[in-house]
Amino acid sequence: MGTFTGTRPGRELLSRIERGRLGAIILRGQNISSTSSLRATVAELQRAARSGGQPPLLIAIDQEGGSVKRLASAPPYESAAQLGAAGDGTQARAAGLATGRSLRAVGVNVDLAPVLDVAASSRSFLGTRTFGSDPATVEQTGVAFADGLEAAGVASTAKHFPGLGTAPANTDDSDVTVTTSRAELMRRLAPFEAAIRSGVRLVMVSSARYPALDAARLPAVLSPAIVNDLLRRQLGFHGVVVTDTMGAPSVVRFPLAPVRAIRAGLDLLLYPQSEKASKDAFVVLMRSVRSGALSPTALRTSYDRIARLKSSLQR
């Protein structure tokens, strides 16, 4: 999942899409000047995929509400904290439904929301992005918001597994270690478990380290213990697992981070920092397959999961 600069994609990016070297796009604030312009841009991106005989693109956006909302004038009009404080699952679902319909209208088919982290306190760096500090409240309202998105035909994304509610800092800016005990981390997984049962189609994995869950102390996006063992086997999630930004400080220090992420069980690698970042990652993956360092089977398994997701969004 890559990005582009400005409000229109360049010829090189469109060529990469046509050739099947980019299967998803994340839209950032700089890509959006107006609703009509965005609709035209998304259509142009999808035309490139069709012209190359490729499956439709996943077009993703961070439309959480509150402080993280790329389409400023569109729903949700409440932050996650406000929806959680209301404690009304019906209201949260309605917010998700309205959000999904507005995204669908401009061609966006994946919302990188809701945040299902359970905040340790009001001092969490996540601020109003969380639905609250009680797992039951986050489960009730966060999962309802996801259900609303899904009912509108937009895939929801439960994030940031296995939880950033007790993280001391933003993983986008720092190499973060979450020192919370395994028992407490497992207690805070309740919203993710409920979202999986409810049919959430994507789970985003954080880049923090969790020594209580992984003795190797790897960032979660590179951790087989957290992705393959906990998320896939123990919690039974069979959908698409997407990374948080692969440009995180904890991740970029690993030269073969894309390869390690695929080996850990990730399907979709997120590169929102630049066009070059996703292009370089593609080269690393292909070289690793050719050298035998990465099994084509792992890539095929992930590709099939993503293909199923894309197919479901066309219905």
C-alpha atoms as a PDB file:
ATOM      1  CA  MET A   1       0.000   0.000   0.000  1.00  0.00           C
ATOM      2  CA  GLY A   2       1.680   3.133  -1.236  1.00  0.00           C
ATOM      3  CA  THR A   3       1.031   6.829  -1.601  1.00  0.00           C
ATOM      4  CA  PHE A   4       1.598   9.699  -3.993  1.00  0.00           C
ATOM      5  CA  THR A   5       2.403  13.386  -3.768  1.00  0.00           C
ATOM      6  CA  GLY A   6      -0.156  16.074  -4.604  1.00  0.00           C
ATOM      7  CA  THR A   7      -3.747  15.707  -5.739  1.00  0.00           C
ATOM      8  CA  ARG A   8      -3.071  13.702  -8.912  1.00  0.00           C
ATOM      9  CA  PRO A   9      -0.964  10.557  -9.339  1.00  0.00           C
ATOM     10  CA  GLY A  10       2.031  10.780 -11.661  1.00  0.00           C
ATOM     11  CA  ARG A  11       2.695   8.624 -14.701  1.00  0.00           C
ATOM     12  CA  GLU A  12       5.246   6.441 -12.897  1.00  0.00           C
ATOM     13  CA  LEU A  13       2.810   5.555 -10.111  1.00  0.00           C
ATOM     14  CA  LEU A  14       0.060   4.757 -12.632  1.00  0.00           C
ATOM     15  CA  SER A  15       2.518   2.542 -14.514  1.00  0.00           C
ATOM     16  CA  ARG A  16       3.355   0.638 -11.339  1.00  0.00           C
ATOM     17  CA  ILE A  17      -0.358   0.052 -10.759  1.00  0.00           C
ATOM     18  CA  GLU A  18      -0.846  -1.155 -14.349  1.00  0.00           C
ATOM     19  CA  ARG A  19       2.034  -3.608 -13.937  1.00  0.00           C
ATOM     20  CA  GLY A  20       0.667  -5.003 -10.677  1.00  0.00           C
ATOM     21  CA  ARG A  21       3.459  -3.620  -8.507  1.00  0.00           C
ATOM     22  CA  LEU A  22       1.125  -1.685  -6.215  1.00  0.00           C
ATOM     23  CA  GLY A  23      -2.188  -3.095  -5.061  1.00  0.00           C
ATOM     24  CA  ALA A  24      -3.415  -0.460  -2.635  1.00  0.00           C
ATOM     25  CA  ILE A  25      -3.233   3.295  -2.075  1.00  0.00           C
ATOM     26  CA  ILE A  26      -3.491   5.269   1.141  1.00  0.00           C
ATOM     27  CA  LEU A  27      -4.936   8.757   0.716  1.00  0.00           C
ATOM     28  CA  ARG A  28      -3.424  11.510   2.831  1.00  0.00           C
ATOM     29  CA  GLY A  29      -4.578  15.061   3.453  1.00  0.00           C
ATOM     30  CA  GLN A  30      -2.332  16.453   0.718  1.00  0.00           C
ATOM     31  CA  ASN A  31      -4.084  14.261  -1.859  1.00  0.00           C
ATOM     32  CA  ILE A  32      -7.476  15.866  -1.196  1.00  0.00           C
ATOM     33  CA  SER A  33      -8.505  19.307  -2.439  1.00  0.00           C
ATOM     34  CA  SER A  34     -12.236  18.691  -2.848  1.00  0.00           C
ATOM     35  CA  THR A  35     -14.727  15.854  -2.917  1.00  0.00           C
ATOM     36  CA  SER A  36     -15.164  16.050  -6.683  1.00  0.00           C
ATOM     37  CA  SER A  37     -11.400  16.150  -7.253  1.00  0.00           C
ATOM     38  CA  LEU A  38     -10.898  13.145  -4.987  1.00  0.00           C
ATOM     39  CA  ARG A  39     -13.583  11.171  -6.801  1.00  0.00           C
ATOM     40  CA  ALA A  40     -11.844  11.853 -10.119  1.00  0.00           C
ATOM     41  CA  THR A  41      -8.446  10.894  -8.691  1.00  0.00           C
ATOM     42  CA  VAL A  42      -9.725   7.587  -7.331  1.00  0.00           C
ATOM     43  CA  ALA A  43     -11.353   6.830 -10.684  1.00  0.00           C
ATOM     44  CA  GLU A  44      -8.034   7.517 -12.432  1.00  0.00           C
ATOM     45  CA  LEU A  45      -6.215   5.150 -10.089  1.00  0.00           C
ATOM     46  CA  GLN A  46      -8.763   2.385 -10.667  1.00  0.00           C
ATOM     47  CA  ARG A  47      -8.603   2.895 -14.455  1.00  0.00           C
ATOM     48  CA  ALA A  48      -4.876   2.238 -14.302  1.00  0.00           C
ATOM     49  CA  ALA A  49      -5.503  -1.087 -12.556  1.00  0.00           C
ATOM     50  CA  ARG A  50      -8.138  -2.088 -15.115  1.00  0.00           C
ATOM     51  CA  SER A  51      -5.995  -1.085 -18.079  1.00  0.00           C
ATOM     52  CA  GLY A  52      -3.246  -3.404 -16.844  1.00  0.00           C
ATOM     53  CA  GLY A  53      -5.660  -6.269 -16.265  1.00  0.00           C
ATOM     54  CA  GLN A  54      -5.126  -6.018 -12.514  1.00  0.00           C
ATOM     55  CA  PRO A  55      -7.671  -6.499  -9.714  1.00  0.00           C
ATOM     56  CA  PRO A  56      -9.256  -3.296  -8.360  1.00  0.00           C
ATOM     57  CA  LEU A  57      -7.156  -1.310  -5.928  1.00  0.00           C
ATOM     58  CA  LEU A  58      -7.797  -1.028  -2.249  1.00  0.00           C
ATOM     59  CA  ILE A  59      -8.239   2.715  -1.669  1.00  0.00           C
ATOM     60  CA  ALA A  60      -7.724   3.432   2.021  1.00  0.00           C
ATOM     61  CA  ILE A  61      -8.036   6.493   4.230  1.00  0.00           C
ATOM     62  CA  ASP A  62      -7.750   7.380   7.918  1.00  0.00           C
ATOM     63  CA  GLN A  63     -11.256   8.607   8.659  1.00  0.00           C
ATOM     64  CA  GLU A  64     -11.500   8.007  12.399  1.00  0.00           C
ATOM     65  CA  GLY A  65     -13.171  11.276  13.394  1.00  0.00           C
ATOM     66  CA  GLY A  66     -11.819  13.877  15.791  1.00  0.00           C
ATOM     67  CA  SER A  67      -8.132  14.656  15.312  1.00  0.00           C
ATOM     68  CA  VAL A  68      -7.598  12.046  12.560  1.00  0.00           C
ATOM     69  CA  LYS A  69      -9.981  12.784   9.735  1.00  0.00           C
ATOM     70  CA  ARG A  70      -8.690  13.261   6.188  1.00  0.00           C
ATOM     71  CA  LEU A  71     -12.054  14.345   4.764  1.00  0.00           C
ATOM     72  CA  ALA A  72     -12.663  17.287   7.087  1.00  0.00           C
ATOM     73  CA  SER A  73     -16.262  18.050   6.109  1.00  0.00           C
ATOM     74  CA  ALA A  74     -17.445  14.430   6.029  1.00  0.00           C
ATOM     75  CA  PRO A  75     -18.591  12.131   8.850  1.00  0.00           C
ATOM     76  CA  PRO A  76     -17.956  10.993  11.481  1.00  0.00           C
ATOM     77  CA  TYR A  77     -18.768  14.267  13.167  1.00  0.00           C
ATOM     78  CA  GLU A  78     -17.943  12.841  16.608  1.00  0.00           C
ATOM     79  CA  SER A  79     -14.559  11.678  17.836  1.00  0.00           C
ATOM     80  CA  ALA A  80     -14.136   8.128  19.087  1.00  0.00           C
ATOM     81  CA  ALA A  81     -13.920   9.525  22.626  1.00  0.00           C
ATOM     82  CA  GLN A  82     -17.278  11.258  22.220  1.00  0.00           C
ATOM     83  CA  LEU A  83     -18.925   8.125  20.885  1.00  0.00           C
ATOM     84  CA  GLY A  84     -17.419   6.078  23.700  1.00  0.00           C
ATOM     85  CA  ALA A  85     -18.553   8.580  26.331  1.00  0.00           C
ATOM     86  CA  ALA A  86     -22.110   8.374  24.975  1.00  0.00           C
ATOM     87  CA  GLY A  87     -21.911   4.609  25.445  1.00  0.00           C
ATOM     88  CA  ASP A  88     -24.515   4.071  22.744  1.00  0.00           C
ATOM     89  CA  GLY A  89     -23.742   1.320  20.271  1.00  0.00           C
ATOM     90  CA  THR A  90     -26.636   2.400  18.057  1.00  0.00           C
ATOM     91  CA  GLN A  91     -25.204   5.919  17.769  1.00  0.00           C
ATOM     92  CA  ALA A  92     -21.723   4.556  17.037  1.00  0.00           C
ATOM     93  CA  ARG A  93     -23.062   2.253  14.338  1.00  0.00           C
ATOM     94  CA  ALA A  94     -24.955   5.138  12.741  1.00  0.00           C
ATOM     95  CA  ALA A  95     -21.727   7.184  12.717  1.00  0.00           C
ATOM     96  CA  GLY A  96     -19.901   4.305  11.055  1.00  0.00           C
ATOM     97  CA  LEU A  97     -22.691   3.845   8.509  1.00  0.00           C
ATOM     98  CA  ALA A  98     -22.682   7.545   7.590  1.00  0.00           C
ATOM     99  CA  THR A  99     -18.891   7.495   7.330  1.00  0.00           C
ATOM    100  CA  GLY A 100     -18.921   4.436   5.116  1.00  0.00           C
ATOM    101  CA  ARG A 101     -21.527   5.895   2.783  1.00  0.00           C
ATOM    102  CA  SER A 102     -19.579   9.150   2.368  1.00  0.00           C
ATOM    103  CA  LEU A 103     -16.353   7.243   1.666  1.00  0.00           C
ATOM    104  CA  ARG A 104     -18.042   4.892  -0.768  1.00  0.00           C
ATOM    105  CA  ALA A 105     -19.412   7.913  -2.658  1.00  0.00           C
ATOM    106  CA  VAL A 106     -15.879   9.053  -3.527  1.00  0.00           C
ATOM    107  CA  GLY A 107     -14.557   5.564  -4.276  1.00  0.00           C
ATOM    108  CA  VAL A 108     -12.794   4.827  -0.985  1.00  0.00           C
ATOM    109  CA  ASN A 109     -13.317   1.185   0.002  1.00  0.00           C
ATOM    110  CA  VAL A 110     -11.174   0.811   3.164  1.00  0.00           C
ATOM    111  CA  ASP A 111     -11.317   2.927   6.306  1.00  0.00           C
ATOM    112  CA  LEU A 112      -8.257   2.521   8.540  1.00  0.00           C
ATOM    113  CA  ALA A 113     -10.553   2.711  11.546  1.00  0.00           C
ATOM    114  CA  PRO A 114     -11.711   2.126  14.230  1.00  0.00           C
ATOM    115  CA  VAL A 115      -9.018   2.472  16.876  1.00  0.00           C
ATOM    116  CA  LEU A 116      -9.730  -0.355  19.334  1.00  0.00           C
ATOM    117  CA  ASP A 117      -6.877   0.431  21.719  1.00  0.00           C
ATOM    118  CA  VAL A 118      -8.031   0.680  25.335  1.00  0.00           C
ATOM    119  CA  ALA A 119      -6.490   3.847  26.749  1.00  0.00           C
ATOM    120  CA  ALA A 120      -4.692   3.482  30.079  1.00  0.00           C
ATOM    121  CA  SER A 121      -5.686   7.044  31.010  1.00  0.00           C
ATOM    122  CA  SER A 122      -6.658  10.407  29.585  1.00  0.00           C
ATOM    123  CA  ARG A 123      -2.929  11.124  29.228  1.00  0.00           C
ATOM    124  CA  SER A 124      -2.519   8.525  26.469  1.00  0.00           C
ATOM    125  CA  PHE A 125      -0.834   9.929  23.358  1.00  0.00           C
ATOM    126  CA  LEU A 126      -3.865   8.622  21.434  1.00  0.00           C
ATOM    127  CA  GLY A 127      -6.018  11.350  22.962  1.00  0.00           C
ATOM    128  CA  THR A 128      -9.583  11.409  21.621  1.00  0.00           C
ATOM    129  CA  ARG A 129      -8.826   8.681  19.064  1.00  0.00           C
ATOM    130  CA  THR A 130      -9.826   5.947  21.526  1.00  0.00           C
ATOM    131  CA  PHE A 131     -13.349   5.013  22.570  1.00  0.00           C
ATOM    132  CA  GLY A 132     -12.345   4.891  26.213  1.00  0.00           C
ATOM    133  CA  SER A 133     -10.366   3.275  29.007  1.00  0.00           C
ATOM    134  CA  ASP A 134     -12.752   0.374  29.653  1.00  0.00           C
ATOM    135  CA  PRO A 135     -12.529  -2.672  27.351  1.00  0.00           C
ATOM    136  CA  ALA A 136     -16.300  -3.190  27.473  1.00  0.00           C
ATOM    137  CA  THR A 137     -16.994   0.391  26.357  1.00  0.00           C
ATOM    138  CA  VAL A 138     -14.440   0.196  23.543  1.00  0.00           C
ATOM    139  CA  GLU A 139     -15.912  -3.125  22.474  1.00  0.00           C
ATOM    140  CA  GLN A 140     -19.493  -1.876  22.491  1.00  0.00           C
ATOM    141  CA  THR A 141     -18.945   1.369  20.600  1.00  0.00           C
ATOM    142  CA  GLY A 142     -15.822   0.636  18.557  1.00  0.00           C
ATOM    143  CA  VAL A 143     -17.165  -2.604  17.121  1.00  0.00           C
ATOM    144  CA  ALA A 144     -20.514  -0.932  16.409  1.00  0.00           C
ATOM    145  CA  PHE A 145     -18.689   1.762  14.410  1.00  0.00           C
ATOM    146  CA  ALA A 146     -16.916  -0.971  12.439  1.00  0.00           C
ATOM    147  CA  ASP A 147     -20.234  -2.711  11.807  1.00  0.00           C
ATOM    148  CA  GLY A 148     -21.626   0.520  10.384  1.00  0.00           C
ATOM    149  CA  LEU A 149     -18.707   0.868   7.979  1.00  0.00           C
ATOM    150  CA  GLU A 150     -19.137  -2.723   6.846  1.00  0.00           C
ATOM    151  CA  ALA A 151     -22.887  -2.240   6.315  1.00  0.00           C
ATOM    152  CA  ALA A 152     -22.059   0.645   3.969  1.00  0.00           C
ATOM    153  CA  GLY A 153     -19.769  -1.566   1.908  1.00  0.00           C
ATOM    154  CA  VAL A 154     -16.503  -0.165   3.235  1.00  0.00           C
ATOM    155  CA  ALA A 155     -13.999  -2.513   4.879  1.00  0.00           C
ATOM    156  CA  SER A 156     -13.171  -1.599   8.470  1.00  0.00           C
ATOM    157  CA  THR A 157      -9.750  -1.953  10.082  1.00  0.00           C
ATOM    158  CA  ALA A 158      -9.306  -2.811  13.754  1.00  0.00           C
ATOM    159  CA  LYS A 159      -6.163  -1.107  15.018  1.00  0.00           C
ATOM    160  CA  HIS A 160      -3.514  -1.097  16.506  1.00  0.00           C
ATOM    161  CA  PHE A 161      -3.175  -4.788  17.452  1.00  0.00           C
ATOM    162  CA  PRO A 162      -2.286  -5.939  20.103  1.00  0.00           C
ATOM    163  CA  GLY A 163      -2.948  -2.483  21.549  1.00  0.00           C
ATOM    164  CA  LEU A 164      -1.303   0.884  22.084  1.00  0.00           C
ATOM    165  CA  GLY A 165      -3.447   1.958  25.016  1.00  0.00           C
ATOM    166  CA  THR A 166      -0.563   1.595  27.465  1.00  0.00           C
ATOM    167  CA  ALA A 167       2.178   2.745  25.066  1.00  0.00           C
ATOM    168  CA  PRO A 168       4.267   5.631  26.448  1.00  0.00           C
ATOM    169  CA  ALA A 169       4.679   7.402  23.084  1.00  0.00           C
ATOM    170  CA  ASN A 170       3.595   7.487  19.453  1.00  0.00           C
ATOM    171  CA  THR A 171       5.161   4.618  17.500  1.00  0.00           C
ATOM    172  CA  ASP A 172       5.279   6.793  14.369  1.00  0.00           C
ATOM    173  CA  ASP A 173       7.951   8.904  16.069  1.00  0.00           C
ATOM    174  CA  SER A 174       9.676   6.607  18.574  1.00  0.00           C
ATOM    175  CA  ASP A 175      10.905   3.048  19.047  1.00  0.00           C
ATOM    176  CA  VAL A 176       8.312   2.112  21.672  1.00  0.00           C
ATOM    177  CA  THR A 177       8.361  -0.804  24.110  1.00  0.00           C
ATOM    178  CA  VAL A 178       5.098  -1.643  25.875  1.00  0.00           C
ATOM    179  CA  THR A 179       6.002  -3.106  29.280  1.00  0.00           C
ATOM    180  CA  THR A 180       2.445  -4.107  30.228  1.00  0.00           C
ATOM    181  CA  SER A 181       2.032  -7.663  31.557  1.00  0.00           C
ATOM    182  CA  ARG A 182       0.722 -10.439  29.346  1.00  0.00           C
ATOM    183  CA  ALA A 183      -2.409 -10.830  31.491  1.00  0.00           C
ATOM    184  CA  GLU A 184      -3.261  -7.147  31.174  1.00  0.00           C
ATOM    185  CA  LEU A 185      -2.543  -7.071  27.447  1.00  0.00           C
ATOM    186  CA  MET A 186      -4.812 -10.068  26.944  1.00  0.00           C
ATOM    187  CA  ARG A 187      -7.576  -8.364  28.933  1.00  0.00           C
ATOM    188  CA  ARG A 188      -7.314  -5.363  26.628  1.00  0.00           C
ATOM    189  CA  LEU A 189      -7.701  -7.560  23.562  1.00  0.00           C
ATOM    190  CA  ALA A 190     -11.450  -7.957  24.156  1.00  0.00           C
ATOM    191  CA  PRO A 191     -12.457  -5.300  21.564  1.00  0.00           C
ATOM    192  CA  PHE A 192     -10.257  -6.937  18.914  1.00  0.00           C
ATOM    193  CA  GLU A 193     -11.715 -10.366  19.682  1.00  0.00           C
ATOM    194  CA  ALA A 194     -15.236  -8.952  19.387  1.00  0.00           C
ATOM    195  CA  ALA A 195     -14.387  -7.214  16.108  1.00  0.00           C
ATOM    196  CA  ILE A 196     -13.045 -10.472  14.674  1.00  0.00           C
ATOM    197  CA  ARG A 197     -16.233 -12.287  15.701  1.00  0.00           C
ATOM    198  CA  SER A 198     -18.284  -9.484  14.138  1.00  0.00           C
ATOM    199  CA  GLY A 199     -16.525  -9.815  10.795  1.00  0.00           C
ATOM    200  CA  VAL A 200     -13.981  -6.996  10.616  1.00  0.00           C
ATOM    201  CA  ARG A 201     -12.071  -7.486   7.370  1.00  0.00           C
ATOM    202  CA  LEU A 202      -8.680  -5.992   8.250  1.00  0.00           C
ATOM    203  CA  VAL A 203      -6.549  -5.807  11.372  1.00  0.00           C
ATOM    204  CA  MET A 204      -3.691  -3.319  11.589  1.00  0.00           C
ATOM    205  CA  VAL A 205      -0.684  -4.402  13.651  1.00  0.00           C
ATOM    206  CA  SER A 206       1.337  -1.870  15.614  1.00  0.00           C
ATOM    207  CA  SER A 207       5.097  -1.332  15.423  1.00  0.00           C
ATOM    208  CA  ALA A 208       5.620  -1.324  19.201  1.00  0.00           C
ATOM    209  CA  ARG A 209       7.535  -4.078  20.988  1.00  0.00           C
ATOM    210  CA  TYR A 210       5.703  -6.304  23.495  1.00  0.00           C
ATOM    211  CA  PRO A 211       8.185  -8.360  25.582  1.00  0.00           C
ATOM    212  CA  ALA A 212       5.303 -10.045  27.423  1.00  0.00           C
ATOM    213  CA  LEU A 213       3.986 -11.419  24.129  1.00  0.00           C
ATOM    214  CA  ASP A 214       7.245 -11.937  22.229  1.00  0.00           C
ATOM    215  CA  ALA A 215      10.426 -12.978  23.997  1.00  0.00           C
ATOM    216  CA  ALA A 216      12.408 -11.879  20.933  1.00  0.00           C
ATOM    217  CA  ARG A 217      11.203  -8.299  21.535  1.00  0.00           C
ATOM    218  CA  LEU A 218      10.557  -7.746  17.842  1.00  0.00           C
ATOM    219  CA  PRO A 219       8.248  -4.943  16.691  1.00  0.00           C
ATOM    220  CA  ALA A 220       4.777  -6.476  16.443  1.00  0.00           C
ATOM    221  CA  VAL A 221       4.706  -6.045  12.644  1.00  0.00           C
ATOM    222  CA  LEU A 222       7.752  -8.327  12.419  1.00  0.00           C
ATOM    223  CA  SER A 223       6.725 -10.784  15.138  1.00  0.00           C
ATOM    224  CA  PRO A 224       5.503 -14.291  14.232  1.00  0.00           C
ATOM    225  CA  ALA A 225       4.554 -14.777  17.899  1.00  0.00           C
ATOM    226  CA  ILE A 226       2.140 -11.838  17.778  1.00  0.00           C
ATOM    227  CA  VAL A 227       0.786 -12.181  14.233  1.00  0.00           C
ATOM    228  CA  ASN A 228       0.886 -15.861  13.304  1.00  0.00           C
ATOM    229  CA  ASP A 229       0.480 -17.313  16.797  1.00  0.00           C
ATOM    230  CA  LEU A 230      -1.711 -14.821  18.687  1.00  0.00           C
ATOM    231  CA  LEU A 231      -3.763 -13.078  16.012  1.00  0.00           C
ATOM    232  CA  ARG A 232      -4.132 -15.842  13.467  1.00  0.00           C
ATOM    233  CA  ARG A 233      -4.050 -19.076  15.461  1.00  0.00           C
ATOM    234  CA  GLN A 234      -5.288 -18.099  18.913  1.00  0.00           C
ATOM    235  CA  LEU A 235      -7.844 -15.444  17.943  1.00  0.00           C
ATOM    236  CA  GLY A 236      -8.734 -17.070  14.629  1.00  0.00           C
ATOM    237  CA  PHE A 237      -8.448 -14.047  12.343  1.00  0.00           C
ATOM    238  CA  HIS A 238      -8.385 -15.125   8.687  1.00  0.00           C
ATOM    239  CA  GLY A 239      -8.728 -11.725   7.003  1.00  0.00           C
ATOM    240  CA  VAL A 240      -6.128  -9.255   5.772  1.00  0.00           C
ATOM    241  CA  VAL A 241      -3.464  -8.151   8.236  1.00  0.00           C
ATOM    242  CA  VAL A 242      -1.949  -4.764   7.420  1.00  0.00           C
ATOM    243  CA  THR A 243       1.063  -3.127   9.010  1.00  0.00           C
ATOM    244  CA  ASP A 244       1.094   0.255  10.645  1.00  0.00           C
ATOM    245  CA  THR A 245       3.599   2.460   8.811  1.00  0.00           C
ATOM    246  CA  MET A 246       6.690   0.546   7.772  1.00  0.00           C
ATOM    247  CA  GLY A 247       8.548   3.831   8.185  1.00  0.00           C
ATOM    248  CA  ALA A 248       8.332   3.593  11.991  1.00  0.00           C
ATOM    249  CA  PRO A 249      11.665   3.971  13.853  1.00  0.00           C
ATOM    250  CA  SER A 250      11.402   0.471  15.301  1.00  0.00           C
ATOM    251  CA  VAL A 251      11.000  -1.065  11.839  1.00  0.00           C
ATOM    252  CA  VAL A 252      13.378   0.821   9.536  1.00  0.00           C
ATOM    253  CA  ARG A 253      16.433  -0.432  11.429  1.00  0.00           C
ATOM    254  CA  PHE A 254      15.762  -3.904   9.974  1.00  0.00           C
ATOM    255  CA  PRO A 255      17.262  -3.980   6.428  1.00  0.00           C
ATOM    256  CA  LEU A 256      14.899  -6.750   5.281  1.00  0.00           C
ATOM    257  CA  ALA A 257      11.841  -5.494   7.150  1.00  0.00           C
ATOM    258  CA  PRO A 258       9.402  -6.235   4.277  1.00  0.00           C
ATOM    259  CA  VAL A 259      10.584  -9.842   4.155  1.00  0.00           C
ATOM    260  CA  ARG A 260      10.384 -10.236   7.927  1.00  0.00           C
ATOM    261  CA  ALA A 261       6.856  -8.796   7.942  1.00  0.00           C
ATOM    262  CA  ILE A 262       5.640 -11.311   5.343  1.00  0.00           C
ATOM    263  CA  ARG A 263       7.292 -14.155   7.255  1.00  0.00           C
ATOM    264  CA  ALA A 264       5.546 -12.974  10.434  1.00  0.00           C
ATOM    265  CA  GLY A 265       2.144 -13.340   8.774  1.00  0.00           C
ATOM    266  CA  LEU A 266       1.452  -9.841   7.466  1.00  0.00           C
ATOM    267  CA  ASP A 267      -0.353  -9.493   4.144  1.00  0.00           C
ATOM    268  CA  LEU A 268      -0.304  -5.813   3.270  1.00  0.00           C
ATOM    269  CA  LEU A 269       2.675  -3.519   3.886  1.00  0.00           C
ATOM    270  CA  LEU A 270       1.879   0.166   4.427  1.00  0.00           C
ATOM    271  CA  TYR A 271       4.263   2.817   3.082  1.00  0.00           C
ATOM    272  CA  PRO A 272       2.670   6.258   3.582  1.00  0.00           C
ATOM    273  CA  GLN A 273       5.954   8.182   3.736  1.00  0.00           C
ATOM    274  CA  SER A 274       6.832   8.412   0.018  1.00  0.00           C
ATOM    275  CA  GLU A 275       6.367   6.799  -3.383  1.00  0.00           C
ATOM    276  CA  LYS A 276       9.974   5.619  -3.277  1.00  0.00           C
ATOM    277  CA  ALA A 277       9.414   3.683  -0.045  1.00  0.00           C
ATOM    278  CA  SER A 278       6.837   1.324  -1.535  1.00  0.00           C
ATOM    279  CA  LYS A 279       8.866   0.955  -4.734  1.00  0.00           C
ATOM    280  CA  ASP A 280      11.975  -0.025  -2.766  1.00  0.00           C
ATOM    281  CA  ALA A 281       9.977  -2.523  -0.696  1.00  0.00           C
ATOM    282  CA  PHE A 282       8.700  -4.212  -3.862  1.00  0.00           C
ATOM    283  CA  VAL A 283      12.278  -4.604  -5.112  1.00  0.00           C
ATOM    284  CA  VAL A 284      13.370  -6.117  -1.785  1.00  0.00           C
ATOM    285  CA  LEU A 285      10.528  -8.657  -1.856  1.00  0.00           C
ATOM    286  CA  MET A 286      11.194  -9.713  -5.453  1.00  0.00           C
ATOM    287  CA  ARG A 287      14.932 -10.075  -4.879  1.00  0.00           C
ATOM    288  CA  SER A 288      14.244 -12.166  -1.780  1.00  0.00           C
ATOM    289  CA  VAL A 289      11.977 -14.519  -3.722  1.00  0.00           C
ATOM    290  CA  ARG A 290      14.529 -14.921  -6.497  1.00  0.00           C
ATOM    291  CA  SER A 291      17.316 -15.622  -4.013  1.00  0.00           C
ATOM    292  CA  GLY A 292      15.220 -18.129  -2.085  1.00  0.00           C
ATOM    293  CA  ALA A 293      15.184 -15.999   1.069  1.00  0.00           C
ATOM    294  CA  LEU A 294      11.395 -15.661   0.855  1.00  0.00           C
ATOM    295  CA  SER A 295       9.010 -18.396  -0.159  1.00  0.00           C
ATOM    296  CA  PRO A 296       6.649 -17.543  -3.049  1.00  0.00           C
ATOM    297  CA  THR A 297       4.042 -19.526  -1.113  1.00  0.00           C
ATOM    298  CA  ALA A 298       3.953 -16.879   1.636  1.00  0.00           C
ATOM    299  CA  LEU A 299       3.357 -14.145  -0.921  1.00  0.00           C
ATOM    300  CA  ARG A 300       0.700 -16.212  -2.693  1.00  0.00           C
ATOM    301  CA  THR A 301      -1.151 -16.808   0.581  1.00  0.00           C
ATOM    302  CA  SER A 302      -1.225 -13.083   1.297  1.00  0.00           C
ATOM    303  CA  TYR A 303      -2.171 -12.262  -2.288  1.00  0.00           C
ATOM    304  CA  ASP A 304      -5.118 -14.654  -2.075  1.00  0.00           C
ATOM    305  CA  ARG A 305      -6.374 -13.035   1.133  1.00  0.00           C
ATOM    306  CA  ILE A 306      -6.156  -9.586  -0.445  1.00  0.00           C
ATOM    307  CA  ALA A 307      -7.846 -10.845  -3.637  1.00  0.00           C
ATOM    308  CA  ARG A 308     -10.762 -12.202  -1.581  1.00  0.00           C
ATOM    309  CA  LEU A 309     -11.095  -8.855   0.172  1.00  0.00           C
ATOM    310  CA  LYS A 310     -11.088  -6.990  -3.138  1.00  0.00           C
ATOM    311  CA  SER A 311     -13.678  -9.361  -4.554  1.00  0.00           C
ATOM    312  CA  SER A 312     -15.960  -8.883  -1.547  1.00  0.00           C
ATOM    313  CA  LEU A 313     -15.818  -5.093  -1.973  1.00  0.00           C
ATOM    314  CA  GLN A 314     -17.066  -5.347  -5.563  1.00  0.00           C
ATOM    315  CA  ARG A 315     -20.383  -6.882  -4.549  1.00  0.00           C
END
